[in-house]
Amino acid sequence: MSLYEQVADLSLVIDAEDRERRERDTSSGFTRATTTFVLEGEGETGRGEDVTYDTEDHDALADVGALGLAGEYAVREFSAALEGIDLFPRREPERESSKHYRRWALESAGLDLALRQAGTNLGGILGLSYDPVRFVVSTRLGEPPSADRLHEILDRHPEAEFKLDPTSEWTEDLITEIAAIDAVRVLDLKGQYHGTRVDQDPDPALYERVFEGFPDAVIEDPALTDDTRDLLEANSERVSWDAPITGVESVETLPFEPAWLNIKPSRFGTLFSLFETIEYCREEGIRTYGGGQFELGVGRKGIQALASLFYLDRPNDVAPGGYNDPTLPENLPDSPLMPSEDPSGFEW
């Protein structure tokens, strides 16, 4: 039985729905807004977080009433029902990917509610155990870039590991300084991002500096151009993909057979697509790790749960949210992150 089939026939009863808005400044220099969809039924509550990046899309929900989700379903029936509901009733989203993000919020809320109404959790349904999760801290290095943020974190958490976003402003000296720390596990070149504030144009010189300066790191989302192709194909066992990955078809159409994938559930939109892709990667021997999108609430717990069940000892970008705050909070947990003793629903 597939992963999806093990959850698809779970029943859920929705009596009421609500939404919760959150905002927080981040260490990457922008204010993050998210909306949590709240489903209630039979004395239980299920939650799922919409990680749409554009604040305007969250603002547009302010005067939107109930979406008409009340009813009795199986998980697969709830997913089918969402096909017929306009999740952006006031305006089209700023970007097409936001449709997947909002769909994921509702699919994960439905699964969370179904699991709670069944008195269990995702691991219990799948017959898998929750184990401690290794995580990396994703952070940017400021303008102009420096290693100060890394040293600030390492002063309090000496065993911390990192995922960083190189830019063309990274000098040879900076790369040498960061590489000497020996804590960088993933480098995200942002070459697959278009029309965002973090776009990084293909820079063959930067790519060469990164591959040479961090010989053991995974290199994520390069742009494949005539000037970068030879370097990437020669180092394909180190290349990972993130932004393009929305399901099995997107994996099969990558420019060369992938060795690594960053699994961000919200990019998939549906539970079916997420679970199908996880199983596909297992069958094809593709190494996976978890990714986050500055979740502010239950979305973070969901990606930590998935990492615990499917890729616990990989460089998971699922650090507790406090690591994203501009000022590092006290008493943040170190990696590996420990599961709770009695997880419920789609948390851990």
C-alpha atoms as a PDB file:
ATOM      1  CA  MET A   1       0.000   0.000   0.000  1.00  0.00           C
ATOM      2  CA  SER A   2       1.392   3.417  -0.936  1.00  0.00           C
ATOM      3  CA  LEU A   3       1.998   6.178   1.577  1.00  0.00           C
ATOM      4  CA  TYR A   4      -0.977   8.111   0.266  1.00  0.00           C
ATOM      5  CA  GLU A   5      -3.294   5.115   0.359  1.00  0.00           C
ATOM      6  CA  GLN A   6      -2.505   4.712   4.049  1.00  0.00           C
ATOM      7  CA  VAL A   7      -3.985   8.135   4.827  1.00  0.00           C
ATOM      8  CA  ALA A   8      -6.483   8.625   1.982  1.00  0.00           C
ATOM      9  CA  ASP A   9      -9.393   6.816   3.601  1.00  0.00           C
ATOM     10  CA  LEU A  10      -9.088   8.450   7.014  1.00  0.00           C
ATOM     11  CA  SER A  11     -12.373  10.164   7.823  1.00  0.00           C
ATOM     12  CA  LEU A  12     -12.710  13.769   8.919  1.00  0.00           C
ATOM     13  CA  VAL A  13     -15.681  15.802  10.026  1.00  0.00           C
ATOM     14  CA  ILE A  14     -15.527  19.579   9.653  1.00  0.00           C
ATOM     15  CA  ASP A  15     -18.068  21.588  11.647  1.00  0.00           C
ATOM     16  CA  ALA A  16     -16.444  25.006  11.441  1.00  0.00           C
ATOM     17  CA  GLU A  17     -13.519  26.834   9.867  1.00  0.00           C
ATOM     18  CA  ASP A  18     -11.435  29.855  10.809  1.00  0.00           C
ATOM     19  CA  ARG A  19      -8.148  31.558   9.965  1.00  0.00           C
ATOM     20  CA  GLU A  20      -5.246  32.987  11.966  1.00  0.00           C
ATOM     21  CA  ARG A  21      -2.857  35.657  10.629  1.00  0.00           C
ATOM     22  CA  ARG A  22       0.799  35.927  11.760  1.00  0.00           C
ATOM     23  CA  GLU A  23       3.644  38.316  10.965  1.00  0.00           C
ATOM     24  CA  ARG A  24       7.296  38.405  12.016  1.00  0.00           C
ATOM     25  CA  ASP A  25      10.477  40.156  10.953  1.00  0.00           C
ATOM     26  CA  THR A  26      13.188  37.813   9.714  1.00  0.00           C
ATOM     27  CA  SER A  27      16.978  37.732   9.651  1.00  0.00           C
ATOM     28  CA  SER A  28      16.782  37.909   5.841  1.00  0.00           C
ATOM     29  CA  GLY A  29      15.493  41.457   6.007  1.00  0.00           C
ATOM     30  CA  PHE A  30      11.791  41.118   5.236  1.00  0.00           C
ATOM     31  CA  THR A  31       8.558  40.818   7.201  1.00  0.00           C
ATOM     32  CA  ARG A  32       7.001  37.381   6.874  1.00  0.00           C
ATOM     33  CA  ALA A  33       3.214  37.003   6.857  1.00  0.00           C
ATOM     34  CA  THR A  34       1.367  33.664   6.878  1.00  0.00           C
ATOM     35  CA  THR A  35      -2.233  32.534   7.298  1.00  0.00           C
ATOM     36  CA  THR A  36      -3.169  29.410   9.225  1.00  0.00           C
ATOM     37  CA  PHE A  37      -6.376  27.665   8.172  1.00  0.00           C
ATOM     38  CA  VAL A  38      -8.186  26.190  11.170  1.00  0.00           C
ATOM     39  CA  LEU A  39     -10.668  23.323  10.797  1.00  0.00           C
ATOM     40  CA  GLU A  40     -12.796  22.205  13.763  1.00  0.00           C
ATOM     41  CA  GLY A  41     -14.883  19.105  14.244  1.00  0.00           C
ATOM     42  CA  GLU A  42     -15.879  16.551  16.890  1.00  0.00           C
ATOM     43  CA  GLY A  43     -13.974  18.450  19.572  1.00  0.00           C
ATOM     44  CA  GLU A  44     -10.686  18.439  17.624  1.00  0.00           C
ATOM     45  CA  THR A  45      -8.854  21.126  15.678  1.00  0.00           C
ATOM     46  CA  GLY A  46      -6.710  20.733  12.582  1.00  0.00           C
ATOM     47  CA  ARG A  47      -4.366  23.450  11.338  1.00  0.00           C
ATOM     48  CA  GLY A  48      -2.389  24.091   8.164  1.00  0.00           C
ATOM     49  CA  GLU A  49      -0.216  27.086   7.311  1.00  0.00           C
ATOM     50  CA  ASP A  50      -0.343  29.032   4.045  1.00  0.00           C
ATOM     51  CA  VAL A  51       3.216  30.178   3.307  1.00  0.00           C
ATOM     52  CA  THR A  52       2.326  32.394   0.346  1.00  0.00           C
ATOM     53  CA  TYR A  53       5.086  35.012   0.251  1.00  0.00           C
ATOM     54  CA  ASP A  54       3.143  38.070  -0.889  1.00  0.00           C
ATOM     55  CA  THR A  55       1.545  39.956   1.989  1.00  0.00           C
ATOM     56  CA  GLU A  56      -1.130  41.267  -0.387  1.00  0.00           C
ATOM     57  CA  ASP A  57      -2.449  37.739  -0.853  1.00  0.00           C
ATOM     58  CA  HIS A  58      -2.887  37.344   2.900  1.00  0.00           C
ATOM     59  CA  ASP A  59      -4.449  40.808   3.188  1.00  0.00           C
ATOM     60  CA  ALA A  60      -7.046  39.829   0.590  1.00  0.00           C
ATOM     61  CA  LEU A  61      -8.392  37.143   2.953  1.00  0.00           C
ATOM     62  CA  ALA A  62      -9.342  39.691   5.615  1.00  0.00           C
ATOM     63  CA  ASP A  63     -12.969  40.110   4.504  1.00  0.00           C
ATOM     64  CA  VAL A  64     -13.461  36.630   3.062  1.00  0.00           C
ATOM     65  CA  GLY A  65     -15.904  34.485   4.981  1.00  0.00           C
ATOM     66  CA  ALA A  66     -16.021  30.708   5.270  1.00  0.00           C
ATOM     67  CA  LEU A  67     -14.936  28.778   2.189  1.00  0.00           C
ATOM     68  CA  GLY A  68     -17.749  26.251   2.607  1.00  0.00           C
ATOM     69  CA  LEU A  69     -15.650  23.363   3.880  1.00  0.00           C
ATOM     70  CA  ALA A  70     -18.097  21.970   6.467  1.00  0.00           C
ATOM     71  CA  GLY A  71     -19.029  18.361   5.889  1.00  0.00           C
ATOM     72  CA  GLU A  72     -17.995  14.722   6.301  1.00  0.00           C
ATOM     73  CA  TYR A  73     -15.210  13.387   4.126  1.00  0.00           C
ATOM     74  CA  ALA A  74     -12.459  10.871   3.657  1.00  0.00           C
ATOM     75  CA  VAL A  75      -9.088  12.584   3.188  1.00  0.00           C
ATOM     76  CA  ARG A  76      -9.151  11.808  -0.535  1.00  0.00           C
ATOM     77  CA  GLU A  77     -12.694  13.225  -0.813  1.00  0.00           C
ATOM     78  CA  PHE A  78     -11.657  16.406   0.983  1.00  0.00           C
ATOM     79  CA  SER A  79      -8.805  16.828  -1.487  1.00  0.00           C
ATOM     80  CA  ALA A  80     -11.191  16.354  -4.401  1.00  0.00           C
ATOM     81  CA  ALA A  81     -13.605  18.902  -2.912  1.00  0.00           C
ATOM     82  CA  LEU A  82     -10.839  21.505  -2.780  1.00  0.00           C
ATOM     83  CA  GLU A  83     -10.544  21.276  -6.577  1.00  0.00           C
ATOM     84  CA  GLY A  84     -13.901  23.037  -6.850  1.00  0.00           C
ATOM     85  CA  ILE A  85     -13.240  25.844  -4.353  1.00  0.00           C
ATOM     86  CA  ASP A  86     -11.772  29.210  -5.280  1.00  0.00           C
ATOM     87  CA  LEU A  87      -8.990  29.648  -2.726  1.00  0.00           C
ATOM     88  CA  PHE A  88      -8.253  33.202  -3.925  1.00  0.00           C
ATOM     89  CA  PRO A  89     -11.782  34.611  -4.170  1.00  0.00           C
ATOM     90  CA  ARG A  90     -10.860  38.308  -4.023  1.00  0.00           C
ATOM     91  CA  ARG A  91      -7.960  38.437  -6.456  1.00  0.00           C
ATOM     92  CA  GLU A  92      -5.604  36.242  -8.396  1.00  0.00           C
ATOM     93  CA  PRO A  93      -2.415  35.572  -6.412  1.00  0.00           C
ATOM     94  CA  GLU A  94       0.725  37.543  -7.143  1.00  0.00           C
ATOM     95  CA  ARG A  95       2.439  34.330  -8.323  1.00  0.00           C
ATOM     96  CA  GLU A  96       1.154  31.032  -9.624  1.00  0.00           C
ATOM     97  CA  SER A  97       3.082  29.040  -6.988  1.00  0.00           C
ATOM     98  CA  SER A  98       0.888  30.557  -4.267  1.00  0.00           C
ATOM     99  CA  LYS A  99      -1.989  28.365  -5.429  1.00  0.00           C
ATOM    100  CA  HIS A 100       0.022  25.329  -4.354  1.00  0.00           C
ATOM    101  CA  TYR A 101       0.934  26.962  -1.041  1.00  0.00           C
ATOM    102  CA  ARG A 102      -2.664  27.655  -0.099  1.00  0.00           C
ATOM    103  CA  ARG A 103      -3.846  24.265  -1.292  1.00  0.00           C
ATOM    104  CA  TRP A 104      -1.179  22.663   0.884  1.00  0.00           C
ATOM    105  CA  ALA A 105      -2.370  24.660   3.901  1.00  0.00           C
ATOM    106  CA  LEU A 106      -5.851  23.191   3.560  1.00  0.00           C
ATOM    107  CA  GLU A 107      -4.730  19.655   2.670  1.00  0.00           C
ATOM    108  CA  SER A 108      -2.399  19.556   5.680  1.00  0.00           C
ATOM    109  CA  ALA A 109      -5.106  21.032   7.934  1.00  0.00           C
ATOM    110  CA  GLY A 110      -7.480  18.316   6.771  1.00  0.00           C
ATOM    111  CA  LEU A 111      -4.920  15.590   7.442  1.00  0.00           C
ATOM    112  CA  ASP A 112      -4.124  17.086  10.837  1.00  0.00           C
ATOM    113  CA  LEU A 113      -7.818  17.050  11.784  1.00  0.00           C
ATOM    114  CA  ALA A 114      -8.360  13.522  10.458  1.00  0.00           C
ATOM    115  CA  LEU A 115      -5.407  12.180  12.443  1.00  0.00           C
ATOM    116  CA  ARG A 116      -6.553  13.894  15.621  1.00  0.00           C
ATOM    117  CA  GLN A 117     -10.106  12.629  15.213  1.00  0.00           C
ATOM    118  CA  ALA A 118      -8.643   9.139  14.796  1.00  0.00           C
ATOM    119  CA  GLY A 119      -6.576   9.622  17.971  1.00  0.00           C
ATOM    120  CA  THR A 120      -3.260   9.133  16.247  1.00  0.00           C
ATOM    121  CA  ASN A 121      -0.426  10.856  14.367  1.00  0.00           C
ATOM    122  CA  LEU A 122       1.153  10.539  10.926  1.00  0.00           C
ATOM    123  CA  GLY A 123       3.906   8.214  12.089  1.00  0.00           C
ATOM    124  CA  GLY A 124       1.361   5.938  13.751  1.00  0.00           C
ATOM    125  CA  ILE A 125      -0.731   5.644  10.582  1.00  0.00           C
ATOM    126  CA  LEU A 126       2.331   4.939   8.429  1.00  0.00           C
ATOM    127  CA  GLY A 127       3.936   2.547  10.904  1.00  0.00           C
ATOM    128  CA  LEU A 128       7.015   4.773  11.225  1.00  0.00           C
ATOM    129  CA  SER A 129       8.763   6.124  14.308  1.00  0.00           C
ATOM    130  CA  TYR A 130       9.612   9.745  15.067  1.00  0.00           C
ATOM    131  CA  ASP A 131      13.353  10.071  15.529  1.00  0.00           C
ATOM    132  CA  PRO A 132      15.631  13.031  16.309  1.00  0.00           C
ATOM    133  CA  VAL A 133      16.044  15.348  13.307  1.00  0.00           C
ATOM    134  CA  ARG A 134      19.336  16.820  12.187  1.00  0.00           C
ATOM    135  CA  PHE A 135      18.826  20.388  11.005  1.00  0.00           C
ATOM    136  CA  VAL A 136      20.825  23.163   9.386  1.00  0.00           C
ATOM    137  CA  VAL A 137      20.335  26.868  10.010  1.00  0.00           C
ATOM    138  CA  SER A 138      19.428  28.814   6.882  1.00  0.00           C
ATOM    139  CA  THR A 139      20.597  32.413   6.957  1.00  0.00           C
ATOM    140  CA  ARG A 140      21.835  35.190   4.705  1.00  0.00           C
ATOM    141  CA  LEU A 141      25.012  37.128   5.397  1.00  0.00           C
ATOM    142  CA  GLY A 142      23.835  40.714   5.032  1.00  0.00           C
ATOM    143  CA  GLU A 143      24.907  43.605   2.804  1.00  0.00           C
ATOM    144  CA  PRO A 144      27.827  43.717   2.413  1.00  0.00           C
ATOM    145  CA  PRO A 145      28.105  39.998   3.196  1.00  0.00           C
ATOM    146  CA  SER A 146      30.154  38.938   6.198  1.00  0.00           C
ATOM    147  CA  ALA A 147      30.480  35.906   8.446  1.00  0.00           C
ATOM    148  CA  ASP A 148      29.256  37.840  11.511  1.00  0.00           C
ATOM    149  CA  ARG A 149      25.870  36.090  11.633  1.00  0.00           C
ATOM    150  CA  LEU A 150      27.537  32.670  11.516  1.00  0.00           C
ATOM    151  CA  HIS A 151      29.855  33.545  14.376  1.00  0.00           C
ATOM    152  CA  GLU A 152      26.927  34.926  16.393  1.00  0.00           C
ATOM    153  CA  ILE A 153      25.109  31.599  16.058  1.00  0.00           C
ATOM    154  CA  LEU A 154      28.217  29.470  16.624  1.00  0.00           C
ATOM    155  CA  ASP A 155      29.082  31.389  19.805  1.00  0.00           C
ATOM    156  CA  ARG A 156      25.874  29.999  21.342  1.00  0.00           C
ATOM    157  CA  HIS A 157      25.531  26.787  19.336  1.00  0.00           C
ATOM    158  CA  PRO A 158      29.059  25.532  18.540  1.00  0.00           C
ATOM    159  CA  GLU A 159      27.833  22.438  16.673  1.00  0.00           C
ATOM    160  CA  ALA A 160      25.474  24.354  14.355  1.00  0.00           C
ATOM    161  CA  GLU A 161      25.474  23.551  10.643  1.00  0.00           C
ATOM    162  CA  PHE A 162      24.363  25.937   7.917  1.00  0.00           C
ATOM    163  CA  LYS A 163      22.591  26.408   4.624  1.00  0.00           C
ATOM    164  CA  LEU A 164      23.737  29.641   2.947  1.00  0.00           C
ATOM    165  CA  ASP A 165      22.813  31.634  -0.160  1.00  0.00           C
ATOM    166  CA  PRO A 166      25.975  32.689  -2.033  1.00  0.00           C
ATOM    167  CA  THR A 167      25.827  35.894  -4.045  1.00  0.00           C
ATOM    168  CA  SER A 168      28.171  37.509  -6.544  1.00  0.00           C
ATOM    169  CA  GLU A 169      29.371  39.747  -3.695  1.00  0.00           C
ATOM    170  CA  TRP A 170      31.011  36.763  -1.983  1.00  0.00           C
ATOM    171  CA  THR A 171      34.762  37.307  -2.311  1.00  0.00           C
ATOM    172  CA  GLU A 172      37.491  34.682  -2.264  1.00  0.00           C
ATOM    173  CA  ASP A 173      38.471  35.882   1.230  1.00  0.00           C
ATOM    174  CA  LEU A 174      34.924  35.525   2.539  1.00  0.00           C
ATOM    175  CA  ILE A 175      34.598  32.037   1.057  1.00  0.00           C
ATOM    176  CA  THR A 176      37.909  31.037   2.640  1.00  0.00           C
ATOM    177  CA  GLU A 177      36.771  32.372   6.023  1.00  0.00           C
ATOM    178  CA  ILE A 178      33.409  30.594   5.874  1.00  0.00           C
ATOM    179  CA  ALA A 179      34.888  27.342   4.563  1.00  0.00           C
ATOM    180  CA  ALA A 180      37.368  27.299   7.461  1.00  0.00           C
ATOM    181  CA  ILE A 181      34.424  27.096   9.882  1.00  0.00           C
ATOM    182  CA  ASP A 182      33.647  23.672   8.328  1.00  0.00           C
ATOM    183  CA  ALA A 183      29.946  23.916   9.112  1.00  0.00           C
ATOM    184  CA  VAL A 184      28.340  24.709   5.741  1.00  0.00           C
ATOM    185  CA  ARG A 185      26.394  21.746   4.390  1.00  0.00           C
ATOM    186  CA  VAL A 186      24.169  23.285   1.674  1.00  0.00           C
ATOM    187  CA  LEU A 187      24.715  26.287  -0.597  1.00  0.00           C
ATOM    188  CA  ASP A 188      21.664  27.623  -2.436  1.00  0.00           C
ATOM    189  CA  LEU A 189      22.581  29.457  -5.629  1.00  0.00           C
ATOM    190  CA  LYS A 190      18.983  30.667  -6.169  1.00  0.00           C
ATOM    191  CA  GLY A 191      19.432  30.186  -9.889  1.00  0.00           C
ATOM    192  CA  GLN A 192      15.925  28.734 -10.262  1.00  0.00           C
ATOM    193  CA  TYR A 193      14.171  31.715  -8.667  1.00  0.00           C
ATOM    194  CA  HIS A 194      12.621  34.329 -10.956  1.00  0.00           C
ATOM    195  CA  GLY A 195      10.942  37.574  -9.982  1.00  0.00           C
ATOM    196  CA  THR A 196      11.748  37.372  -6.271  1.00  0.00           C
ATOM    197  CA  ARG A 197      13.848  39.534  -3.966  1.00  0.00           C
ATOM    198  CA  VAL A 198      16.446  36.751  -3.636  1.00  0.00           C
ATOM    199  CA  ASP A 199      17.093  36.062  -7.337  1.00  0.00           C
ATOM    200  CA  GLN A 200      20.756  35.431  -8.143  1.00  0.00           C
ATOM    201  CA  ASP A 201      21.719  35.679 -11.808  1.00  0.00           C
ATOM    202  CA  PRO A 202      23.869  32.849 -13.181  1.00  0.00           C
ATOM    203  CA  ASP A 203      27.459  33.764 -12.354  1.00  0.00           C
ATOM    204  CA  PRO A 204      29.997  31.226 -13.661  1.00  0.00           C
ATOM    205  CA  ALA A 205      32.796  32.735 -11.576  1.00  0.00           C
ATOM    206  CA  LEU A 206      30.702  32.495  -8.395  1.00  0.00           C
ATOM    207  CA  TYR A 207      29.747  28.907  -9.229  1.00  0.00           C
ATOM    208  CA  GLU A 208      33.392  27.940  -9.620  1.00  0.00           C
ATOM    209  CA  ARG A 209      34.346  29.647  -6.344  1.00  0.00           C
ATOM    210  CA  VAL A 210      31.539  27.851  -4.512  1.00  0.00           C
ATOM    211  CA  PHE A 211      32.221  24.377  -5.905  1.00  0.00           C
ATOM    212  CA  GLU A 212      35.951  24.703  -5.239  1.00  0.00           C
ATOM    213  CA  GLY A 213      35.672  26.446  -1.876  1.00  0.00           C
ATOM    214  CA  PHE A 214      33.144  23.974  -0.392  1.00  0.00           C
ATOM    215  CA  PRO A 215      34.113  20.592  -1.860  1.00  0.00           C
ATOM    216  CA  ASP A 216      31.832  18.590   0.453  1.00  0.00           C
ATOM    217  CA  ALA A 217      28.697  20.771   0.372  1.00  0.00           C
ATOM    218  CA  VAL A 218      25.484  20.119  -1.551  1.00  0.00           C
ATOM    219  CA  ILE A 219      24.921  22.842  -4.174  1.00  0.00           C
ATOM    220  CA  GLU A 220      21.258  23.728  -4.645  1.00  0.00           C
ATOM    221  CA  ASP A 221      19.333  25.278  -7.545  1.00  0.00           C
ATOM    222  CA  PRO A 222      22.049  26.363  -9.960  1.00  0.00           C
ATOM    223  CA  ALA A 223      21.032  27.889 -13.274  1.00  0.00           C
ATOM    224  CA  LEU A 224      21.985  25.709 -16.221  1.00  0.00           C
ATOM    225  CA  THR A 225      23.436  27.894 -18.978  1.00  0.00           C
ATOM    226  CA  ASP A 226      26.030  27.483 -21.698  1.00  0.00           C
ATOM    227  CA  ASP A 227      28.572  28.967 -19.279  1.00  0.00           C
ATOM    228  CA  THR A 228      27.693  26.764 -16.277  1.00  0.00           C
ATOM    229  CA  ARG A 229      26.668  23.469 -17.906  1.00  0.00           C
ATOM    230  CA  ASP A 230      30.102  21.802 -17.974  1.00  0.00           C
ATOM    231  CA  LEU A 231      30.787  22.583 -14.307  1.00  0.00           C
ATOM    232  CA  LEU A 232      27.376  21.353 -13.187  1.00  0.00           C
ATOM    233  CA  GLU A 233      27.446  18.143 -15.207  1.00  0.00           C
ATOM    234  CA  ALA A 234      30.963  17.390 -13.901  1.00  0.00           C
ATOM    235  CA  ASN A 235      29.663  17.802 -10.334  1.00  0.00           C
ATOM    236  CA  SER A 236      26.160  16.408 -10.791  1.00  0.00           C
ATOM    237  CA  GLU A 237      26.450  14.151  -7.711  1.00  0.00           C
ATOM    238  CA  ARG A 238      26.578  17.312  -5.576  1.00  0.00           C
ATOM    239  CA  VAL A 239      23.733  19.227  -7.273  1.00  0.00           C
ATOM    240  CA  SER A 240      20.326  19.483  -5.620  1.00  0.00           C
ATOM    241  CA  TRP A 241      17.032  20.954  -6.812  1.00  0.00           C
ATOM    242  CA  ASP A 242      14.397  22.829  -4.852  1.00  0.00           C
ATOM    243  CA  ALA A 243      12.328  25.554  -6.546  1.00  0.00           C
ATOM    244  CA  PRO A 244      11.420  23.474  -9.642  1.00  0.00           C
ATOM    245  CA  ILE A 245      10.236  20.456  -7.625  1.00  0.00           C
ATOM    246  CA  THR A 246       6.435  20.225  -7.466  1.00  0.00           C
ATOM    247  CA  GLY A 247       5.867  16.521  -8.101  1.00  0.00           C
ATOM    248  CA  VAL A 248       7.193  13.436  -9.873  1.00  0.00           C
ATOM    249  CA  GLU A 249       6.832  14.932 -13.345  1.00  0.00           C
ATOM    250  CA  SER A 250       9.021  17.874 -12.371  1.00  0.00           C
ATOM    251  CA  VAL A 251      11.718  15.461 -11.163  1.00  0.00           C
ATOM    252  CA  GLU A 252      11.609  13.468 -14.379  1.00  0.00           C
ATOM    253  CA  THR A 253      12.078  16.608 -16.495  1.00  0.00           C
ATOM    254  CA  LEU A 254      15.201  17.906 -14.711  1.00  0.00           C
ATOM    255  CA  PRO A 255      18.180  18.546 -17.024  1.00  0.00           C
ATOM    256  CA  PHE A 256      20.073  15.534 -15.662  1.00  0.00           C
ATOM    257  CA  GLU A 257      19.339  12.702 -13.259  1.00  0.00           C
ATOM    258  CA  PRO A 258      19.200  14.231  -9.774  1.00  0.00           C
ATOM    259  CA  ALA A 259      21.297  13.048  -6.846  1.00  0.00           C
ATOM    260  CA  TRP A 260      19.593  15.297  -4.268  1.00  0.00           C
ATOM    261  CA  LEU A 261      16.210  16.977  -3.823  1.00  0.00           C
ATOM    262  CA  ASN A 262      14.956  19.514  -1.293  1.00  0.00           C
ATOM    263  CA  ILE A 263      11.418  18.494  -0.338  1.00  0.00           C
ATOM    264  CA  LYS A 264       9.242  21.506   0.545  1.00  0.00           C
ATOM    265  CA  PRO A 265       5.694  20.165   1.070  1.00  0.00           C
ATOM    266  CA  SER A 266       3.942  23.421   0.198  1.00  0.00           C
ATOM    267  CA  ARG A 267       5.426  23.345  -3.310  1.00  0.00           C
ATOM    268  CA  PHE A 268       3.512  20.128  -4.020  1.00  0.00           C
ATOM    269  CA  GLY A 269       0.060  21.435  -3.156  1.00  0.00           C
ATOM    270  CA  THR A 270      -1.471  18.036  -2.428  1.00  0.00           C
ATOM    271  CA  LEU A 271      -0.735  15.172  -0.067  1.00  0.00           C
ATOM    272  CA  PHE A 272      -0.880  12.784  -3.009  1.00  0.00           C
ATOM    273  CA  SER A 273       1.857  14.602  -4.925  1.00  0.00           C
ATOM    274  CA  LEU A 274       4.086  14.915  -1.852  1.00  0.00           C
ATOM    275  CA  PHE A 275       3.869  11.252  -0.880  1.00  0.00           C
ATOM    276  CA  GLU A 276       4.179  10.058  -4.469  1.00  0.00           C
ATOM    277  CA  THR A 277       7.387  12.065  -4.881  1.00  0.00           C
ATOM    278  CA  ILE A 278       8.898  10.808  -1.608  1.00  0.00           C
ATOM    279  CA  GLU A 279       8.275   7.223  -2.733  1.00  0.00           C
ATOM    280  CA  TYR A 280       9.648   7.914  -6.202  1.00  0.00           C
ATOM    281  CA  CYS A 281      12.878   9.253  -4.695  1.00  0.00           C
ATOM    282  CA  ARG A 282      13.212   6.161  -2.521  1.00  0.00           C
ATOM    283  CA  GLU A 283      12.812   3.882  -5.538  1.00  0.00           C
ATOM    284  CA  GLU A 284      15.254   5.875  -7.671  1.00  0.00           C
ATOM    285  CA  GLY A 285      17.905   6.286  -4.969  1.00  0.00           C
ATOM    286  CA  ILE A 286      17.578  10.083  -4.878  1.00  0.00           C
ATOM    287  CA  ARG A 287      18.671  11.555  -1.554  1.00  0.00           C
ATOM    288  CA  THR A 288      16.155  13.934  -0.009  1.00  0.00           C
ATOM    289  CA  TYR A 289      16.151  16.487   2.774  1.00  0.00           C
ATOM    290  CA  GLY A 290      13.503  18.787   4.188  1.00  0.00           C
ATOM    291  CA  GLY A 291      13.110  22.453   3.388  1.00  0.00           C
ATOM    292  CA  GLY A 292      11.305  25.345   5.027  1.00  0.00           C
ATOM    293  CA  GLN A 293       9.746  28.604   3.884  1.00  0.00           C
ATOM    294  CA  PHE A 294       9.903  30.819   6.972  1.00  0.00           C
ATOM    295  CA  GLU A 295       6.864  29.155   8.529  1.00  0.00           C
ATOM    296  CA  LEU A 296       5.608  30.980  11.622  1.00  0.00           C
ATOM    297  CA  GLY A 297       3.295  28.356  13.090  1.00  0.00           C
ATOM    298  CA  VAL A 298       2.204  24.763  12.576  1.00  0.00           C
ATOM    299  CA  GLY A 299       3.802  24.608   9.140  1.00  0.00           C
ATOM    300  CA  ARG A 300       7.188  24.356  10.824  1.00  0.00           C
ATOM    301  CA  LYS A 301       6.047  21.414  12.940  1.00  0.00           C
ATOM    302  CA  GLY A 302       4.764  19.683   9.834  1.00  0.00           C
ATOM    303  CA  ILE A 303       8.068  19.890   7.955  1.00  0.00           C
ATOM    304  CA  GLN A 304       9.897  18.712  11.078  1.00  0.00           C
ATOM    305  CA  ALA A 305       7.543  15.728  11.327  1.00  0.00           C
ATOM    306  CA  LEU A 306       8.186  14.774   7.698  1.00  0.00           C
ATOM    307  CA  ALA A 307      11.939  15.112   8.167  1.00  0.00           C
ATOM    308  CA  SER A 308      11.761  12.884  11.238  1.00  0.00           C
ATOM    309  CA  LEU A 309       9.875  10.186   9.352  1.00  0.00           C
ATOM    310  CA  PHE A 310      11.622  10.253   5.970  1.00  0.00           C
ATOM    311  CA  TYR A 311      15.050  11.976   5.975  1.00  0.00           C
ATOM    312  CA  LEU A 312      16.120  12.530   9.562  1.00  0.00           C
ATOM    313  CA  ASP A 313      19.922  12.420   9.158  1.00  0.00           C
ATOM    314  CA  ARG A 314      20.186  14.758   6.171  1.00  0.00           C
ATOM    315  CA  PRO A 315      20.920  18.523   6.131  1.00  0.00           C
ATOM    316  CA  ASN A 316      17.292  19.487   6.783  1.00  0.00           C
ATOM    317  CA  ASP A 317      16.394  23.167   6.533  1.00  0.00           C
ATOM    318  CA  VAL A 318      13.833  22.783   9.332  1.00  0.00           C
ATOM    319  CA  ALA A 319      15.495  24.611  12.225  1.00  0.00           C
ATOM    320  CA  PRO A 320      13.208  26.038  14.935  1.00  0.00           C
ATOM    321  CA  GLY A 321      11.819  29.370  13.781  1.00  0.00           C
ATOM    322  CA  GLY A 322      13.795  31.389  16.320  1.00  0.00           C
ATOM    323  CA  TYR A 323      16.916  30.882  14.217  1.00  0.00           C
ATOM    324  CA  ASN A 324      15.270  33.122  11.589  1.00  0.00           C
ATOM    325  CA  ASP A 325      14.723  36.040  13.980  1.00  0.00           C
ATOM    326  CA  PRO A 326      16.872  39.155  13.441  1.00  0.00           C
ATOM    327  CA  THR A 327      18.015  38.920  17.077  1.00  0.00           C
ATOM    328  CA  LEU A 328      18.903  35.382  18.077  1.00  0.00           C
ATOM    329  CA  PRO A 329      16.673  34.285  20.989  1.00  0.00           C
ATOM    330  CA  GLU A 330      18.055  32.624  24.084  1.00  0.00           C
ATOM    331  CA  ASN A 331      17.723  28.906  24.746  1.00  0.00           C
ATOM    332  CA  LEU A 332      17.098  27.686  21.217  1.00  0.00           C
ATOM    333  CA  PRO A 333      17.414  23.896  20.891  1.00  0.00           C
ATOM    334  CA  ASP A 334      20.489  22.422  19.252  1.00  0.00           C
ATOM    335  CA  SER A 335      20.504  19.877  16.461  1.00  0.00           C
ATOM    336  CA  PRO A 336      19.309  17.149  16.456  1.00  0.00           C
ATOM    337  CA  LEU A 337      15.780  18.275  17.294  1.00  0.00           C
ATOM    338  CA  MET A 338      13.974  15.879  19.604  1.00  0.00           C
ATOM    339  CA  PRO A 339      10.380  14.709  18.998  1.00  0.00           C
ATOM    340  CA  SER A 340       7.740  15.058  21.677  1.00  0.00           C
ATOM    341  CA  GLU A 341       6.856  12.010  23.738  1.00  0.00           C
ATOM    342  CA  ASP A 342       3.225  11.957  22.584  1.00  0.00           C
ATOM    343  CA  PRO A 343       2.813  13.617  19.159  1.00  0.00           C
ATOM    344  CA  SER A 344      -0.664  14.176  17.779  1.00  0.00           C
ATOM    345  CA  GLY A 345      -1.994  14.854  14.318  1.00  0.00           C
ATOM    346  CA  PHE A 346       0.340  16.203  11.646  1.00  0.00           C
ATOM    347  CA  GLU A 347       2.908  17.406  14.156  1.00  0.00           C
ATOM    348  CA  TRP A 348       5.557  15.578  16.074  1.00  0.00           C
END
